Amino acid sequence: MSKTMKQLTMEFGVTRQAIMRKMDDKFRSKYVSKVHSNGVSKLTISDDGYKLLKQHFLSSNRVVSNESVSYSNYVTHDSVTDTAMELLEKQLVEKDKQIEKLQQCFGRSPQVT
């Protein structure tokens, strides 16, 4: 029996977008169909397509629990932010030096306003 996108998201514990990213044109043409009911169109995935998606998502979810994912994302975000801040601070120091050199070239002293 085919499954809807909502059923897949609930079963795999992932977003609709995550599932859509795994479906290339070949997968869609082979395993996905659009069903219209009550004025609403829904994507349904055949049993074979379901098995392929299940194999992918359950094998990748097996390694990490949701709790550790949110923690690791938090830590990664902090380290990325720290690295970006360090880079920006270095760039500001360099720009200050460049501005000072330009002001010296034009014979002007830095003015504080």
PDB file of N, CA and C in Angstrom:
ATOM      1  N   MET A   1       0.842  -1.182   0.000  1.00  0.00           N
ATOM      2  CA  MET A   1       0.000   0.000   0.000  1.00  0.00           C
ATOM      3  C   MET A   1       0.887   1.246   0.000  1.00  0.00           C
ATOM      4  N   SER A   2       0.568   2.198  -0.844  1.00  0.00           N
ATOM      5  CA  SER A   2       1.380   3.410  -0.944  1.00  0.00           C
ATOM      6  C   SER A   2       1.170   4.289   0.288  1.00  0.00           C
ATOM      7  N   LYS A   3       2.146   5.170   0.518  1.00  0.00           N
ATOM      8  CA  LYS A   3       2.114   6.049   1.694  1.00  0.00           C
ATOM      9  C   LYS A   3       2.132   7.504   1.237  1.00  0.00           C
ATOM     10  N   THR A   4       1.514   8.359   2.040  1.00  0.00           N
ATOM     11  CA  THR A   4       1.535   9.791   1.751  1.00  0.00           C
ATOM     12  C   THR A   4       2.781  10.411   2.374  1.00  0.00           C
ATOM     13  N   MET A   5       3.080  11.632   1.954  1.00  0.00           N
ATOM     14  CA  MET A   5       4.236  12.341   2.505  1.00  0.00           C
ATOM     15  C   MET A   5       4.089  12.525   4.013  1.00  0.00           C
ATOM     16  N   LYS A   6       2.884  12.842   4.462  1.00  0.00           N
ATOM     17  CA  LYS A   6       2.664  13.053   5.891  1.00  0.00           C
ATOM     18  C   LYS A   6       2.955  11.774   6.670  1.00  0.00           C
ATOM     19  N   GLN A   7       2.521  10.641   6.147  1.00  0.00           N
ATOM     20  CA  GLN A   7       2.791   9.368   6.817  1.00  0.00           C
ATOM     21  C   GLN A   7       4.297   9.110   6.899  1.00  0.00           C
ATOM     22  N   LEU A   8       5.009   9.422   5.822  1.00  0.00           N
ATOM     23  CA  LEU A   8       6.457   9.205   5.814  1.00  0.00           C
ATOM     24  C   LEU A   8       7.167  10.118   6.812  1.00  0.00           C
ATOM     25  N   THR A   9       6.749  11.385   6.873  1.00  0.00           N
ATOM     26  CA  THR A   9       7.400  12.301   7.811  1.00  0.00           C
ATOM     27  C   THR A   9       7.196  11.851   9.246  1.00  0.00           C
ATOM     28  N   MET A  10       6.002  11.372   9.541  1.00  0.00           N
ATOM     29  CA  MET A  10       5.721  10.894  10.903  1.00  0.00           C
ATOM     30  C   MET A  10       6.532   9.636  11.212  1.00  0.00           C
ATOM     31  N   GLU A  11       6.605   8.729  10.272  1.00  0.00           N
ATOM     32  CA  GLU A  11       7.302   7.465  10.503  1.00  0.00           C
ATOM     33  C   GLU A  11       8.814   7.646  10.623  1.00  0.00           C
ATOM     34  N   PHE A  12       9.387   8.464   9.747  1.00  0.00           N
ATOM     35  CA  PHE A  12      10.840   8.628   9.736  1.00  0.00           C
ATOM     36  C   PHE A  12      11.316   9.703  10.712  1.00  0.00           C
ATOM     37  N   GLY A  13      10.404  10.565  11.150  1.00  0.00           N
ATOM     38  CA  GLY A  13      10.793  11.636  12.061  1.00  0.00           C
ATOM     39  C   GLY A  13      11.622  12.711  11.391  1.00  0.00           C
ATOM     40  N   VAL A  14      11.339  12.976  10.117  1.00  0.00           N
ATOM     41  CA  VAL A  14      12.057  14.009   9.367  1.00  0.00           C
ATOM     42  C   VAL A  14      11.042  14.952   8.734  1.00  0.00           C
ATOM     43  N   THR A  15      11.520  16.050   8.185  1.00  0.00           N
ATOM     44  CA  THR A  15      10.631  17.019   7.549  1.00  0.00           C
ATOM     45  C   THR A  15      10.289  16.594   6.123  1.00  0.00           C
ATOM     46  N   ARG A  16       9.256  17.230   5.601  1.00  0.00           N
ATOM     47  CA  ARG A  16       8.852  16.977   4.211  1.00  0.00           C
ATOM     48  C   ARG A  16       9.984  17.362   3.257  1.00  0.00           C
ATOM     49  N   GLN A  17      10.666  18.453   3.584  1.00  0.00           N
ATOM     50  CA  GLN A  17      11.763  18.919   2.745  1.00  0.00           C
ATOM     51  C   GLN A  17      12.900  17.905   2.701  1.00  0.00           C
ATOM     52  N   ALA A  18      13.171  17.251   3.823  1.00  0.00           N
ATOM     53  CA  ALA A  18      14.239  16.246   3.853  1.00  0.00           C
ATOM     54  C   ALA A  18      13.901  15.088   2.922  1.00  0.00           C
ATOM     55  N   ILE A  19      12.645  14.699   2.921  1.00  0.00           N
ATOM     56  CA  ILE A  19      12.225  13.608   2.034  1.00  0.00           C
ATOM     57  C   ILE A  19      12.293  14.061   0.579  1.00  0.00           C
ATOM     58  N   MET A  20      11.834  15.283   0.303  1.00  0.00           N
ATOM     59  CA  MET A  20      11.840  15.786  -1.073  1.00  0.00           C
ATOM     60  C   MET A  20      13.262  15.887  -1.628  1.00  0.00           C
ATOM     61  N   ARG A  21      14.235  16.212  -0.774  1.00  0.00           N
ATOM     62  CA  ARG A  21      15.628  16.305  -1.230  1.00  0.00           C
ATOM     63  C   ARG A  21      16.164  14.961  -1.696  1.00  0.00           C
ATOM     64  N   LYS A  22      15.647  13.895  -1.139  1.00  0.00           N
ATOM     65  CA  LYS A  22      16.126  12.559  -1.503  1.00  0.00           C
ATOM     66  C   LYS A  22      15.463  12.032  -2.772  1.00  0.00           C
ATOM     67  N   MET A  23      14.446  12.733  -3.250  1.00  0.00           N
ATOM     68  CA  MET A  23      13.731  12.275  -4.442  1.00  0.00           C
ATOM     69  C   MET A  23      14.195  13.048  -5.669  1.00  0.00           C
ATOM     70  N   ASP A  24      15.002  12.424  -6.492  1.00  0.00           N
ATOM     71  CA  ASP A  24      15.398  13.069  -7.740  1.00  0.00           C
ATOM     72  C   ASP A  24      14.322  12.804  -8.795  1.00  0.00           C
ATOM     73  N   ASP A  25      14.512  13.324  -9.996  1.00  0.00           N
ATOM     74  CA  ASP A  25      13.506  13.184 -11.053  1.00  0.00           C
ATOM     75  C   ASP A  25      13.224  11.726 -11.389  1.00  0.00           C
ATOM     76  N   LYS A  26      14.260  10.919 -11.420  1.00  0.00           N
ATOM     77  CA  LYS A  26      14.093   9.498 -11.739  1.00  0.00           C
ATOM     78  C   LYS A  26      13.249   8.808 -10.665  1.00  0.00           C
ATOM     79  N   PHE A  27      13.535   9.103  -9.398  1.00  0.00           N
ATOM     80  CA  PHE A  27      12.772   8.518  -8.292  1.00  0.00           C
ATOM     81  C   PHE A  27      11.314   8.944  -8.391  1.00  0.00           C
ATOM     82  N   ARG A  28      11.089  10.241  -8.640  1.00  0.00           N
ATOM     83  CA  ARG A  28       9.713  10.753  -8.720  1.00  0.00           C
ATOM     84  C   ARG A  28       8.934  10.095  -9.850  1.00  0.00           C
ATOM     85  N   SER A  29       9.571   9.958 -10.998  1.00  0.00           N
ATOM     86  CA  SER A  29       8.850   9.374 -12.132  1.00  0.00           C
ATOM     87  C   SER A  29       8.536   7.902 -11.906  1.00  0.00           C
ATOM     88  N   LYS A  30       9.367   7.233 -11.139  1.00  0.00           N
ATOM     89  CA  LYS A  30       9.199   5.799 -10.940  1.00  0.00           C
ATOM     90  C   LYS A  30       8.310   5.455  -9.743  1.00  0.00           C
ATOM     91  N   TYR A  31       8.410   6.220  -8.648  1.00  0.00           N
ATOM     92  CA  TYR A  31       7.766   5.812  -7.400  1.00  0.00           C
ATOM     93  C   TYR A  31       6.712   6.779  -6.850  1.00  0.00           C
ATOM     94  N   VAL A  32       6.606   7.978  -7.393  1.00  0.00           N
ATOM     95  CA  VAL A  32       5.706   8.983  -6.822  1.00  0.00           C
ATOM     96  C   VAL A  32       4.546   9.255  -7.766  1.00  0.00           C
ATOM     97  N   SER A  33       3.349   9.374  -7.179  1.00  0.00           N
ATOM     98  CA  SER A  33       2.182   9.766  -7.964  1.00  0.00           C
ATOM     99  C   SER A  33       1.404  10.817  -7.183  1.00  0.00           C
ATOM    100  N   LYS A  34       0.597  11.584  -7.906  1.00  0.00           N
ATOM    101  CA  LYS A  34      -0.192  12.639  -7.283  1.00  0.00           C
ATOM    102  C   LYS A  34      -1.647  12.189  -7.278  1.00  0.00           C
ATOM    103  N   VAL A  35      -2.268  12.219  -6.106  1.00  0.00           N
ATOM    104  CA  VAL A  35      -3.657  11.796  -5.952  1.00  0.00           C
ATOM    105  C   VAL A  35      -4.480  13.002  -5.531  1.00  0.00           C
ATOM    106  N   HIS A  36      -5.611  13.221  -6.214  1.00  0.00           N
ATOM    107  CA  HIS A  36      -6.510  14.324  -5.884  1.00  0.00           C
ATOM    108  C   HIS A  36      -7.726  13.759  -5.166  1.00  0.00           C
ATOM    109  N   SER A  37      -8.001  14.304  -3.986  1.00  0.00           N
ATOM    110  CA  SER A  37      -9.223  13.917  -3.278  1.00  0.00           C
ATOM    111  C   SER A  37      -9.723  15.101  -2.473  1.00  0.00           C
ATOM    112  N   ASN A  38     -11.017  15.347  -2.548  1.00  0.00           N
ATOM    113  CA  ASN A  38     -11.655  16.462  -1.837  1.00  0.00           C
ATOM    114  C   ASN A  38     -10.994  17.802  -2.158  1.00  0.00           C
ATOM    115  N   GLY A  39     -10.595  17.987  -3.387  1.00  0.00           N
ATOM    116  CA  GLY A  39      -9.991  19.239  -3.810  1.00  0.00           C
ATOM    117  C   GLY A  39      -8.554  19.435  -3.359  1.00  0.00           C
ATOM    118  N   VAL A  40      -7.966  18.403  -2.786  1.00  0.00           N
ATOM    119  CA  VAL A  40      -6.590  18.493  -2.300  1.00  0.00           C
ATOM    120  C   VAL A  40      -5.750  17.462  -3.029  1.00  0.00           C
ATOM    121  N   SER A  41      -4.582  17.887  -3.498  1.00  0.00           N
ATOM    122  CA  SER A  41      -3.695  16.922  -4.145  1.00  0.00           C
ATOM    123  C   SER A  41      -2.625  16.490  -3.155  1.00  0.00           C
ATOM    124  N   LYS A  42      -2.363  15.192  -3.133  1.00  0.00           N
ATOM    125  CA  LYS A  42      -1.371  14.627  -2.221  1.00  0.00           C
ATOM    126  C   LYS A  42      -0.394  13.787  -3.013  1.00  0.00           C
ATOM    127  N   LEU A  43       0.869  13.823  -2.586  1.00  0.00           N
ATOM    128  CA  LEU A  43       1.870  12.950  -3.181  1.00  0.00           C
ATOM    129  C   LEU A  43       1.828  11.615  -2.456  1.00  0.00           C
ATOM    130  N   THR A  44       1.796  10.548  -3.223  1.00  0.00           N
ATOM    131  CA  THR A  44       1.868   9.218  -2.623  1.00  0.00           C
ATOM    132  C   THR A  44       3.090   8.505  -3.177  1.00  0.00           C
ATOM    133  N   ILE A  45       3.713   7.730  -2.323  1.00  0.00           N
ATOM    134  CA  ILE A  45       4.932   7.014  -2.687  1.00  0.00           C
ATOM    135  C   ILE A  45       4.614   5.530  -2.692  1.00  0.00           C
ATOM    136  N   SER A  46       4.999   4.849  -3.761  1.00  0.00           N
ATOM    137  CA  SER A  46       4.717   3.418  -3.888  1.00  0.00           C
ATOM    138  C   SER A  46       5.497   2.627  -2.846  1.00  0.00           C
ATOM    139  N   ASP A  47       5.150   1.350  -2.707  1.00  0.00           N
ATOM    140  CA  ASP A  47       5.816   0.485  -1.727  1.00  0.00           C
ATOM    141  C   ASP A  47       7.321   0.392  -1.978  1.00  0.00           C
ATOM    142  N   ASP A  48       7.712   0.258  -3.249  1.00  0.00           N
ATOM    143  CA  ASP A  48       9.143   0.158  -3.556  1.00  0.00           C
ATOM    144  C   ASP A  48       9.877   1.452  -3.207  1.00  0.00           C
ATOM    145  N   GLY A  49       9.265   2.594  -3.514  1.00  0.00           N
ATOM    146  CA  GLY A  49       9.859   3.879  -3.164  1.00  0.00           C
ATOM    147  C   GLY A  49       9.931   4.057  -1.659  1.00  0.00           C
ATOM    148  N   TYR A  50       8.880   3.595  -0.977  1.00  0.00           N
ATOM    149  CA  TYR A  50       8.858   3.652   0.488  1.00  0.00           C
ATOM    150  C   TYR A  50      10.018   2.854   1.074  1.00  0.00           C
ATOM    151  N   LYS A  51      10.261   1.682   0.533  1.00  0.00           N
ATOM    152  CA  LYS A  51      11.347   0.834   1.040  1.00  0.00           C
ATOM    153  C   LYS A  51      12.707   1.516   0.858  1.00  0.00           C
ATOM    154  N   LEU A  52      12.902   2.166  -0.286  1.00  0.00           N
ATOM    155  CA  LEU A  52      14.168   2.868  -0.526  1.00  0.00           C
ATOM    156  C   LEU A  52      14.354   4.033   0.450  1.00  0.00           C
ATOM    157  N   LEU A  53      13.296   4.813   0.639  1.00  0.00           N
ATOM    158  CA  LEU A  53      13.382   5.938   1.570  1.00  0.00           C
ATOM    159  C   LEU A  53      13.571   5.451   3.003  1.00  0.00           C
ATOM    160  N   LYS A  54      12.864   4.391   3.351  1.00  0.00           N
ATOM    161  CA  LYS A  54      12.980   3.832   4.699  1.00  0.00           C
ATOM    162  C   LYS A  54      14.411   3.377   4.958  1.00  0.00           C
ATOM    163  N   GLN A  55      14.986   2.710   3.970  1.00  0.00           N
ATOM    164  CA  GLN A  55      16.363   2.235   4.100  1.00  0.00           C
ATOM    165  C   GLN A  55      17.307   3.416   4.353  1.00  0.00           C
ATOM    166  N   HIS A  56      17.106   4.493   3.623  1.00  0.00           N
ATOM    167  CA  HIS A  56      17.980   5.664   3.785  1.00  0.00           C
ATOM    168  C   HIS A  56      17.789   6.329   5.145  1.00  0.00           C
ATOM    169  N   PHE A  57      16.543   6.680   5.483  1.00  0.00           N
ATOM    170  CA  PHE A  57      16.304   7.469   6.682  1.00  0.00           C
ATOM    171  C   PHE A  57      16.502   6.679   7.967  1.00  0.00           C
ATOM    172  N   LEU A  58      16.110   5.432   7.988  1.00  0.00           N
ATOM    173  CA  LEU A  58      16.274   4.677   9.225  1.00  0.00           C
ATOM    174  C   LEU A  58      17.731   4.321   9.473  1.00  0.00           C
ATOM    175  N   SER A  59      18.508   4.117   8.416  1.00  0.00           N
ATOM    176  CA  SER A  59      19.931   3.830   8.624  1.00  0.00           C
ATOM    177  C   SER A  59      20.669   5.084   9.092  1.00  0.00           C
ATOM    178  N   SER A  60      20.271   6.266   8.608  1.00  0.00           N
ATOM    179  CA  SER A  60      20.950   7.493   9.032  1.00  0.00           C
ATOM    180  C   SER A  60      20.473   7.947  10.406  1.00  0.00           C
ATOM    181  N   ASN A  61      19.246   7.617  10.795  1.00  0.00           N
ATOM    182  CA  ASN A  61      18.735   8.008  12.108  1.00  0.00           C
ATOM    183  C   ASN A  61      19.177   7.057  13.201  1.00  0.00           C
ATOM    184  N   ARG A  62      19.623   5.888  12.847  1.00  0.00           N
ATOM    185  CA  ARG A  62      20.003   4.884  13.825  1.00  0.00           C
ATOM    186  C   ARG A  62      21.191   5.340  14.668  1.00  0.00           C
ATOM    187  N   VAL A  63      22.081   6.092  14.070  1.00  0.00           N
ATOM    188  CA  VAL A  63      23.324   6.473  14.731  1.00  0.00           C
ATOM    189  C   VAL A  63      23.102   7.542  15.797  1.00  0.00           C
ATOM    190  N   VAL A  64      22.182   8.483  15.561  1.00  0.00           N
ATOM    191  CA  VAL A  64      22.062   9.645  16.420  1.00  0.00           C
ATOM    192  C   VAL A  64      20.629   9.775  16.933  1.00  0.00           C
ATOM    193  N   SER A  65      20.481  10.118  18.183  1.00  0.00           N
ATOM    194  CA  SER A  65      19.148  10.369  18.717  1.00  0.00           C
ATOM    195  C   SER A  65      18.823  11.845  18.546  1.00  0.00           C
ATOM    196  N   ASN A  66      17.549  12.203  18.664  1.00  0.00           N
ATOM    197  CA  ASN A  66      17.147  13.603  18.500  1.00  0.00           C
ATOM    198  C   ASN A  66      17.802  14.496  19.540  1.00  0.00           C
ATOM    199  N   GLU A  67      17.967  13.992  20.756  1.00  0.00           N
ATOM    200  CA  GLU A  67      18.564  14.782  21.819  1.00  0.00           C
ATOM    201  C   GLU A  67      19.997  15.178  21.480  1.00  0.00           C
ATOM    202  N   SER A  68      20.773  14.226  21.005  1.00  0.00           N
ATOM    203  CA  SER A  68      22.165  14.530  20.699  1.00  0.00           C
ATOM    204  C   SER A  68      22.293  15.387  19.450  1.00  0.00           C
ATOM    205  N   VAL A  69      21.335  15.289  18.544  1.00  0.00           N
ATOM    206  CA  VAL A  69      21.376  16.116  17.339  1.00  0.00           C
ATOM    207  C   VAL A  69      21.228  17.582  17.720  1.00  0.00           C
ATOM    208  N   SER A  70      20.258  17.896  18.552  1.00  0.00           N
ATOM    209  CA  SER A  70      20.062  19.294  18.907  1.00  0.00           C
ATOM    210  C   SER A  70      21.264  19.819  19.692  1.00  0.00           C
ATOM    211  N   TYR A  71      21.863  18.993  20.535  1.00  0.00           N
ATOM    212  CA  TYR A  71      23.039  19.421  21.289  1.00  0.00           C
ATOM    213  C   TYR A  71      24.220  19.657  20.357  1.00  0.00           C
ATOM    214  N   SER A  72      24.444  18.714  19.436  1.00  0.00           N
ATOM    215  CA  SER A  72      25.583  18.876  18.534  1.00  0.00           C
ATOM    216  C   SER A  72      25.381  20.074  17.615  1.00  0.00           C
ATOM    217  N   ASN A  73      24.146  20.343  17.199  1.00  0.00           N
ATOM    218  CA  ASN A  73      23.893  21.529  16.386  1.00  0.00           C
ATOM    219  C   ASN A  73      24.185  22.792  17.187  1.00  0.00           C
ATOM    220  N   TYR A  74      23.857  22.785  18.462  1.00  0.00           N
ATOM    221  CA  TYR A  74      24.108  23.937  19.318  1.00  0.00           C
ATOM    222  C   TYR A  74      25.607  24.182  19.450  1.00  0.00           C
ATOM    223  N   VAL A  75      26.358  23.126  19.702  1.00  0.00           N
ATOM    224  CA  VAL A  75      27.808  23.251  19.846  1.00  0.00           C
ATOM    225  C   VAL A  75      28.429  23.711  18.540  1.00  0.00           C
ATOM    226  N   THR A  76      28.005  23.119  17.427  1.00  0.00           N
ATOM    227  CA  THR A  76      28.531  23.497  16.121  1.00  0.00           C
ATOM    228  C   THR A  76      28.236  24.965  15.837  1.00  0.00           C
ATOM    229  N   HIS A  77      27.023  25.387  16.159  1.00  0.00           N
ATOM    230  CA  HIS A  77      26.651  26.778  15.924  1.00  0.00           C
ATOM    231  C   HIS A  77      27.556  27.713  16.721  1.00  0.00           C
ATOM    232  N   ASP A  78      27.828  27.369  17.974  1.00  0.00           N
ATOM    233  CA  ASP A  78      28.700  28.205  18.789  1.00  0.00           C
ATOM    234  C   ASP A  78      30.110  28.276  18.220  1.00  0.00           C
ATOM    235  N   SER A  79      30.653  27.139  17.795  1.00  0.00           N
ATOM    236  CA  SER A  79      32.011  27.154  17.262  1.00  0.00           C
ATOM    237  C   SER A  79      32.070  27.914  15.940  1.00  0.00           C
ATOM    238  N   VAL A  80      31.041  27.802  15.131  1.00  0.00           N
ATOM    239  CA  VAL A  80      30.994  28.547  13.868  1.00  0.00           C
ATOM    240  C   VAL A  80      30.893  30.039  14.160  1.00  0.00           C
ATOM    241  N   THR A  81      30.069  30.397  15.116  1.00  0.00           N
ATOM    242  CA  THR A  81      29.920  31.804  15.481  1.00  0.00           C
ATOM    243  C   THR A  81      31.234  32.367  16.006  1.00  0.00           C
ATOM    244  N   ASP A  82      31.902  31.612  16.877  1.00  0.00           N
ATOM    245  CA  ASP A  82      33.185  32.064  17.416  1.00  0.00           C
ATOM    246  C   ASP A  82      34.218  32.252  16.312  1.00  0.00           C
ATOM    247  N   THR A  83      34.284  31.312  15.398  1.00  0.00           N
ATOM    248  CA  THR A  83      35.234  31.401  14.289  1.00  0.00           C
ATOM    249  C   THR A  83      34.930  32.613  13.418  1.00  0.00           C
ATOM    250  N   ALA A  84      33.654  32.838  13.137  1.00  0.00           N
ATOM    251  CA  ALA A  84      33.262  33.984  12.317  1.00  0.00           C
ATOM    252  C   ALA A  84      33.611  35.296  13.016  1.00  0.00           C
ATOM    253  N   MET A  85      33.373  35.349  14.315  1.00  0.00           N
ATOM    254  CA  MET A  85      33.695  36.567  15.065  1.00  0.00           C
ATOM    255  C   MET A  85      35.194  36.847  15.055  1.00  0.00           C
ATOM    256  N   GLU A  86      36.006  35.813  15.226  1.00  0.00           N
ATOM    257  CA  GLU A  86      37.460  35.993  15.187  1.00  0.00           C
ATOM    258  C   GLU A  86      37.901  36.525  13.827  1.00  0.00           C
ATOM    259  N   LEU A  87      37.338  35.959  12.766  1.00  0.00           N
ATOM    260  CA  LEU A  87      37.675  36.396  11.416  1.00  0.00           C
ATOM    261  C   LEU A  87      37.283  37.856  11.202  1.00  0.00           C
ATOM    262  N   LEU A  88      36.087  38.218  11.646  1.00  0.00           N
ATOM    263  CA  LEU A  88      35.632  39.598  11.484  1.00  0.00           C
ATOM    264  C   LEU A  88      36.495  40.575  12.278  1.00  0.00           C
ATOM    265  N   GLU A  89      36.902  40.177  13.477  1.00  0.00           N
ATOM    266  CA  GLU A  89      37.770  41.047  14.272  1.00  0.00           C
ATOM    267  C   GLU A  89      39.109  41.269  13.579  1.00  0.00           C
ATOM    268  N   LYS A  90      39.679  40.219  12.991  1.00  0.00           N
ATOM    269  CA  LYS A  90      40.942  40.351  12.260  1.00  0.00           C
ATOM    270  C   LYS A  90      40.772  41.273  11.056  1.00  0.00           C
ATOM    271  N   GLN A  91      39.637  41.129  10.369  1.00  0.00           N
ATOM    272  CA  GLN A  91      39.384  41.976   9.212  1.00  0.00           C
ATOM    273  C   GLN A  91      39.245  43.440   9.624  1.00  0.00           C
ATOM    274  N   LEU A  92      38.592  43.688  10.753  1.00  0.00           N
ATOM    275  CA  LEU A  92      38.449  45.064  11.232  1.00  0.00           C
ATOM    276  C   LEU A  92      39.798  45.682  11.574  1.00  0.00           C
ATOM    277  N   VAL A  93      40.658  44.927  12.223  1.00  0.00           N
ATOM    278  CA  VAL A  93      42.000  45.424  12.552  1.00  0.00           C
ATOM    279  C   VAL A  93      42.744  45.775  11.268  1.00  0.00           C
ATOM    280  N   GLU A  94      42.663  44.909  10.275  1.00  0.00           N
ATOM    281  CA  GLU A  94      43.333  45.145   8.994  1.00  0.00           C
ATOM    282  C   GLU A  94      42.759  46.383   8.303  1.00  0.00           C
ATOM    283  N   LYS A  95      41.452  46.535   8.323  1.00  0.00           N
ATOM    284  CA  LYS A  95      40.823  47.708   7.703  1.00  0.00           C
ATOM    285  C   LYS A  95      41.238  48.991   8.421  1.00  0.00           C
ATOM    286  N   ASP A  96      41.324  48.939   9.749  1.00  0.00           N
ATOM    287  CA  ASP A  96      41.779  50.112  10.502  1.00  0.00           C
ATOM    288  C   ASP A  96      43.183  50.522  10.070  1.00  0.00           C
ATOM    289  N   LYS A  97      44.056  49.538   9.875  1.00  0.00           N
ATOM    290  CA  LYS A  97      45.424  49.821   9.426  1.00  0.00           C
ATOM    291  C   LYS A  97      45.407  50.452   8.034  1.00  0.00           C
ATOM    292  N   GLN A  98      44.563  49.921   7.148  1.00  0.00           N
ATOM    293  CA  GLN A  98      44.475  50.453   5.786  1.00  0.00           C
ATOM    294  C   GLN A  98      43.965  51.892   5.796  1.00  0.00           C
ATOM    295  N   ILE A  99      42.982  52.169   6.633  1.00  0.00           N
ATOM    296  CA  ILE A  99      42.434  53.528   6.728  1.00  0.00           C
ATOM    297  C   ILE A  99      43.499  54.488   7.248  1.00  0.00           C
ATOM    298  N   GLU A 100      44.240  54.050   8.248  1.00  0.00           N
ATOM    299  CA  GLU A 100      45.303  54.885   8.808  1.00  0.00           C
ATOM    300  C   GLU A 100      46.360  55.208   7.749  1.00  0.00           C
ATOM    301  N   LYS A 101      46.751  54.210   6.944  1.00  0.00           N
ATOM    302  CA  LYS A 101      47.739  54.431   5.876  1.00  0.00           C
ATOM    303  C   LYS A 101      47.208  55.419   4.842  1.00  0.00           C
ATOM    304  N   LEU A 102      45.948  55.283   4.468  1.00  0.00           N
ATOM    305  CA  LEU A 102      45.353  56.204   3.497  1.00  0.00           C
ATOM    306  C   LEU A 102      45.321  57.629   4.038  1.00  0.00           C
ATOM    307  N   GLN A 103      44.978  57.759   5.303  1.00  0.00           N
ATOM    308  CA  GLN A 103      44.938  59.094   5.896  1.00  0.00           C
ATOM    309  C   GLN A 103      46.330  59.714   5.924  1.00  0.00           C
ATOM    310  N   GLN A 104      47.351  58.906   6.170  1.00  0.00           N
ATOM    311  CA  GLN A 104      48.728  59.407   6.170  1.00  0.00           C
ATOM    312  C   GLN A 104      49.136  59.820   4.759  1.00  0.00           C
ATOM    313  N   CYS A 105      48.706  59.067   3.762  1.00  0.00           N
ATOM    314  CA  CYS A 105      49.028  59.407   2.371  1.00  0.00           C
ATOM    315  C   CYS A 105      48.440  60.759   1.980  1.00  0.00           C
ATOM    316  N   PHE A 106      47.272  61.075   2.482  1.00  0.00           N
ATOM    317  CA  PHE A 106      46.624  62.332   2.151  1.00  0.00           C
ATOM    318  C   PHE A 106      46.991  63.444   3.120  1.00  0.00           C
ATOM    319  N   GLY A 107      47.884  63.165   4.048  1.00  0.00           N
ATOM    320  CA  GLY A 107      48.365  64.181   4.969  1.00  0.00           C
ATOM    321  C   GLY A 107      47.356  64.587   6.018  1.00  0.00           C
ATOM    322  N   ARG A 108      46.420  63.745   6.297  1.00  0.00           N
ATOM    323  CA  ARG A 108      45.411  64.061   7.304  1.00  0.00           C
ATOM    324  C   ARG A 108      45.632  63.187   8.523  1.00  0.00           C
ATOM    325  N   SER A 109      45.398  63.774   9.635  1.00  0.00           N
ATOM    326  CA  SER A 109      45.474  62.967  10.857  1.00  0.00           C
ATOM    327  C   SER A 109      44.074  62.444  11.172  1.00  0.00           C
ATOM    328  N   PRO A 110      44.013  61.305  11.828  1.00  0.00           N
ATOM    329  CA  PRO A 110      42.680  60.770  12.147  1.00  0.00           C
ATOM    330  C   PRO A 110      41.930  61.725  13.070  1.00  0.00           C
ATOM    331  N   GLN A 111      40.692  61.945  12.768  1.00  0.00           N
ATOM    332  CA  GLN A 111      39.874  62.848  13.572  1.00  0.00           C
ATOM    333  C   GLN A 111      38.770  62.046  14.241  1.00  0.00           C
ATOM    334  N   VAL A 112      38.584  62.330  15.496  1.00  0.00           N
ATOM    335  CA  VAL A 112      37.514  61.667  16.236  1.00  0.00           C
ATOM    336  C   VAL A 112      36.323  62.593  16.240  1.00  0.00           C
ATOM    337  N   THR A 113      35.199  62.084  15.818  1.00  0.00           N
ATOM    338  CA  THR A 113      34.003  62.934  15.791  1.00  0.00           C
ATOM    339  C   THR A 113      32.975  62.439  16.749  1.00  0.00           C
TER     340      THR A 113
END
